[in-house]
């Protein structure tokens, strides 16, 4: 184990002791990377890359804001439609209840009118029946009187034929003429 530890220490020391690579014998690798980054940044600024990036980001932000505004408007419209339809449903339910109450009221009125009409009809029919009965009684009495009068006239005619002759009739006719 001691051998491995001593090898690690030697390797670390050897790494620090080795000279760094240099370009053209004066610039180290760190200076070359820093100069390259500086040139890259200057070229990016010269070509207005940050402005293009911020412009693209601004366009993206504007588009997102526009979409959010549209979403808010759509949501407000949806809420308004929901409220409108909720109001319509409430009105429809209220109207249905009113129609039902009105129909019940009309049904009660129709039933009451039917009861009154039925009572009137029964009274009229009873009156008509009473009048028919009275008329039938009157017709029967009149028929009976007519038959009695006819029977009395027939009996009187028979009695007159038996009790009166032409001479008796002549005396009666003369008395009637004298009375005029």
Protein backbone atom coordinates (compact mmCIF):
# COMPACT_ATOMS: atom_id res chain seq x y z
CA UNK A 1 0.00 0.00 0.00
CA UNK A 2 2.79 2.26 0.75
CA UNK A 3 3.99 1.72 -2.80
CA UNK A 4 0.72 2.98 -4.29
CA UNK A 5 0.70 6.08 -2.09
CA UNK A 6 4.26 6.94 -3.02
CA UNK A 7 3.43 6.50 -6.73
CA UNK A 8 0.48 8.92 -6.43
CA UNK A 9 2.68 11.53 -4.71
CA UNK A 10 5.34 11.16 -7.38
CA UNK A 11 2.75 11.50 -10.17
CA UNK A 12 1.31 14.65 -8.59
CA UNK A 13 4.71 16.19 -8.18
CA UNK A 14 5.64 15.29 -11.74
CA UNK A 15 2.52 16.99 -13.06
CA UNK A 16 3.51 20.28 -11.45
CA UNK A 17 7.02 20.09 -12.55
CA UNK A 18 6.24 19.55 -16.24
CA UNK A 19 6.31 22.74 -18.31
CA UNK A 20 3.05 23.97 -19.83
CA UNK A 21 2.73 23.91 -23.61
CA UNK A 22 3.21 27.29 -25.27
CA UNK A 23 2.22 28.61 -28.68
CA UNK A 24 4.90 30.37 -30.55
CA UNK A 25 7.00 30.04 -27.43
CA UNK A 26 5.35 32.98 -25.59
CA UNK A 27 1.65 32.32 -25.14
CA UNK A 28 0.38 29.64 -22.88
CA UNK A 29 -2.79 27.67 -23.58
CA UNK A 30 -4.80 29.70 -21.04
CA UNK A 31 -3.90 32.97 -22.86
CA UNK A 32 -4.88 31.46 -26.20
CA UNK A 33 -8.29 30.34 -24.84
CA UNK A 34 -8.90 33.78 -23.26
CA UNK A 35 -7.97 35.58 -26.50
CA UNK A 36 -10.23 33.23 -28.52
CA UNK A 37 -13.14 33.93 -26.18
CA UNK A 38 -12.51 37.67 -26.45
CA UNK A 39 -12.51 37.50 -30.26
CA UNK A 40 -15.66 35.37 -30.20
CA UNK A 41 -17.45 37.89 -27.96
CA UNK A 42 -16.33 40.85 -30.11
CA UNK A 43 -17.54 39.08 -33.29
CA UNK A 44 -20.85 38.24 -31.61
CA UNK A 45 -21.28 41.88 -30.56
CA UNK A 46 -20.27 43.11 -34.02
CA UNK A 47 -22.83 40.82 -35.68
CA UNK A 48 -25.49 41.97 -33.14
CA UNK A 49 -26.11 38.43 -31.94
CA UNK A 50 -27.34 39.57 -28.49
CA UNK A 51 -29.79 41.97 -30.17
CA UNK A 52 -31.05 39.15 -32.37
CA UNK A 53 -31.34 36.85 -29.36
CA UNK A 54 -33.18 39.50 -27.31
CA UNK A 55 -35.36 40.33 -30.34
CA UNK A 56 -36.29 36.67 -30.70
CA UNK A 57 -36.94 36.42 -27.00
CA UNK A 58 -39.01 39.62 -27.10
CA UNK A 59 -41.05 38.23 -30.00
CA UNK A 60 -41.56 35.00 -28.05
CA UNK A 61 -42.58 36.98 -24.96
CA UNK A 62 -44.96 39.13 -27.03
CA UNK A 63 -46.50 36.02 -28.59
CA UNK A 64 -46.90 34.40 -25.17
CA UNK A 65 -48.47 37.63 -23.81
CA UNK A 66 -50.83 37.71 -26.80
CA UNK A 67 -51.79 34.09 -26.22
CA UNK A 68 -52.36 34.79 -22.52
CA UNK A 69 -54.57 37.76 -23.39
CA UNK A 70 -56.52 35.62 -25.84
CA UNK A 71 -56.85 32.91 -23.21
CA UNK A 72 -58.10 35.49 -20.69
CA UNK A 73 -60.59 36.82 -23.23
CA UNK A 74 -61.74 33.30 -24.07
CA UNK A 75 -62.08 32.49 -20.41
CA UNK A 76 -64.10 35.66 -19.80
CA UNK A 77 -66.29 34.81 -22.79
CA UNK A 78 -66.73 31.25 -21.53
CA UNK A 79 -67.65 32.55 -18.08
CA UNK A 80 -70.16 34.95 -19.65
CA UNK A 81 -71.66 32.11 -21.71
CA UNK A 82 -71.80 29.87 -18.65
CA UNK A 83 -73.54 32.61 -16.68
CA UNK A 84 -75.91 33.29 -19.59
CA UNK A 85 -76.85 29.63 -19.88
CA UNK A 86 -77.17 29.30 -16.11
CA UNK A 87 -79.56 32.27 -16.20
CA UNK A 88 -81.46 30.71 -19.10
CA UNK A 89 -81.75 27.44 -17.20
CA UNK A 90 -82.96 29.28 -14.10
CA UNK A 91 -85.48 31.24 -16.20
CA UNK A 92 -86.64 28.06 -17.92
CA UNK A 93 -87.11 26.34 -14.57
CA UNK A 94 -89.00 29.37 -13.23
CA UNK A 95 -91.16 29.51 -16.36
CA UNK A 96 -91.83 25.78 -16.13
CA UNK A 97 -92.92 26.21 -12.52
CA UNK A 98 -95.15 29.14 -13.52
CA UNK A 99 -96.62 27.12 -16.39
CA UNK A 100 -97.29 24.21 -14.08
CA UNK A 101 -98.98 26.47 -11.53
CA UNK A 102 -100.99 28.12 -14.31
CA UNK A 103 -101.99 24.72 -15.70
CA UNK A 104 -103.08 23.55 -12.23
CA UNK A 105 -105.08 26.75 -11.79
CA UNK A 106 -106.71 26.30 -15.20
CA UNK A 107 -107.44 22.64 -14.45
CA UNK A 108 -109.07 23.62 -11.16
CA UNK A 109 -111.10 26.30 -12.97
CA UNK A 110 -112.13 23.80 -15.64
CA UNK A 111 -113.17 21.27 -12.99
CA UNK A 112 -115.14 23.94 -11.11
CA UNK A 113 -116.81 25.09 -14.35
CA UNK A 114 -117.58 21.48 -15.26
CA UNK A 115 -119.18 20.96 -11.87
CA UNK A 116 -121.28 24.11 -12.33
CA UNK A 117 -122.15 23.12 -15.90
CA UNK A 118 -123.04 19.61 -14.76
CA UNK A 119 -125.27 20.99 -12.01
CA UNK A 120 -126.92 23.35 -14.53
CA UNK A 121 -127.32 20.53 -17.04
CA UNK A 122 -128.88 18.27 -14.44
CA UNK A 123 -131.25 21.08 -13.42
CA UNK A 124 -132.18 21.74 -17.07
CA UNK A 125 -132.71 18.05 -17.75
CA UNK A 126 -134.84 17.72 -14.60
CA UNK A 127 -136.85 20.77 -15.71
CA UNK A 128 -137.22 19.34 -19.23
CA UNK A 129 -138.28 15.98 -17.80
CA UNK A 130 -140.78 17.72 -15.50
CA UNK A 131 -142.11 19.75 -18.43
CA UNK A 132 -142.41 16.59 -20.56
CA UNK A 133 -144.22 14.84 -17.73
CA UNK A 134 -146.52 17.85 -17.26
CA UNK A 135 -147.12 18.02 -21.02
CA UNK A 136 -147.81 14.30 -21.11
CA UNK A 137 -150.21 14.64 -18.16
CA UNK A 138 -151.90 17.63 -19.85
CA UNK A 139 -152.13 15.68 -23.12
CA UNK A 140 -153.56 12.69 -21.27
CA UNK A 141 -156.10 14.88 -19.47
CA UNK A 142 -156.96 16.64 -22.75
CA UNK A 143 -157.27 13.29 -24.51
CA UNK A 144 -159.46 12.03 -21.68
CA UNK A 145 -161.64 15.16 -21.91
CA UNK A 146 -161.85 14.82 -25.69
CA UNK A 147 -162.86 11.17 -25.35
CA UNK A 148 -165.36 12.09 -22.61
CA UNK A 149 -166.76 14.93 -24.73
CA UNK A 150 -166.98 12.63 -27.74
CA UNK A 151 -168.68 9.96 -25.62
CA UNK A 152 -171.04 12.59 -24.14
CA UNK A 153 -171.81 13.97 -27.61
CA UNK A 154 -172.44 10.47 -28.94
CA UNK A 155 -174.65 9.68 -25.94
CA UNK A 156 -176.48 13.00 -26.29
CA UNK A 157 -176.96 12.38 -30.01
CA UNK A 158 -178.38 8.96 -29.25
CA UNK A 159 -180.70 10.40 -26.58
CA UNK A 160 -181.80 13.24 -28.83
CA UNK A 161 -182.53 10.87 -31.68
CA UNK A 162 -184.59 8.73 -29.41
CA UNK A 163 -186.44 11.55 -27.61
CA UNK A 164 -186.92 14.09 -30.38
CA UNK A 165 -188.52 13.84 -33.67
CA UNK A 166 -188.83 16.26 -36.60
CA UNK A 167 -191.71 18.19 -35.05
CA UNK A 168 -189.78 18.78 -31.82
CA UNK A 169 -186.81 19.94 -33.82
CA UNK A 170 -188.99 22.39 -35.73
CA UNK A 171 -190.21 23.97 -32.50
CA UNK A 172 -186.64 24.36 -31.22
CA UNK A 173 -185.51 25.94 -34.49
CA UNK A 174 -188.43 28.35 -34.41
CA UNK A 175 -187.57 29.40 -30.86
CA UNK A 176 -183.95 29.98 -31.79
CA UNK A 177 -184.97 32.12 -34.79
CA UNK A 178 -187.36 34.13 -32.66
CA UNK A 179 -184.62 34.77 -30.15
CA UNK A 180 -182.52 36.43 -32.76
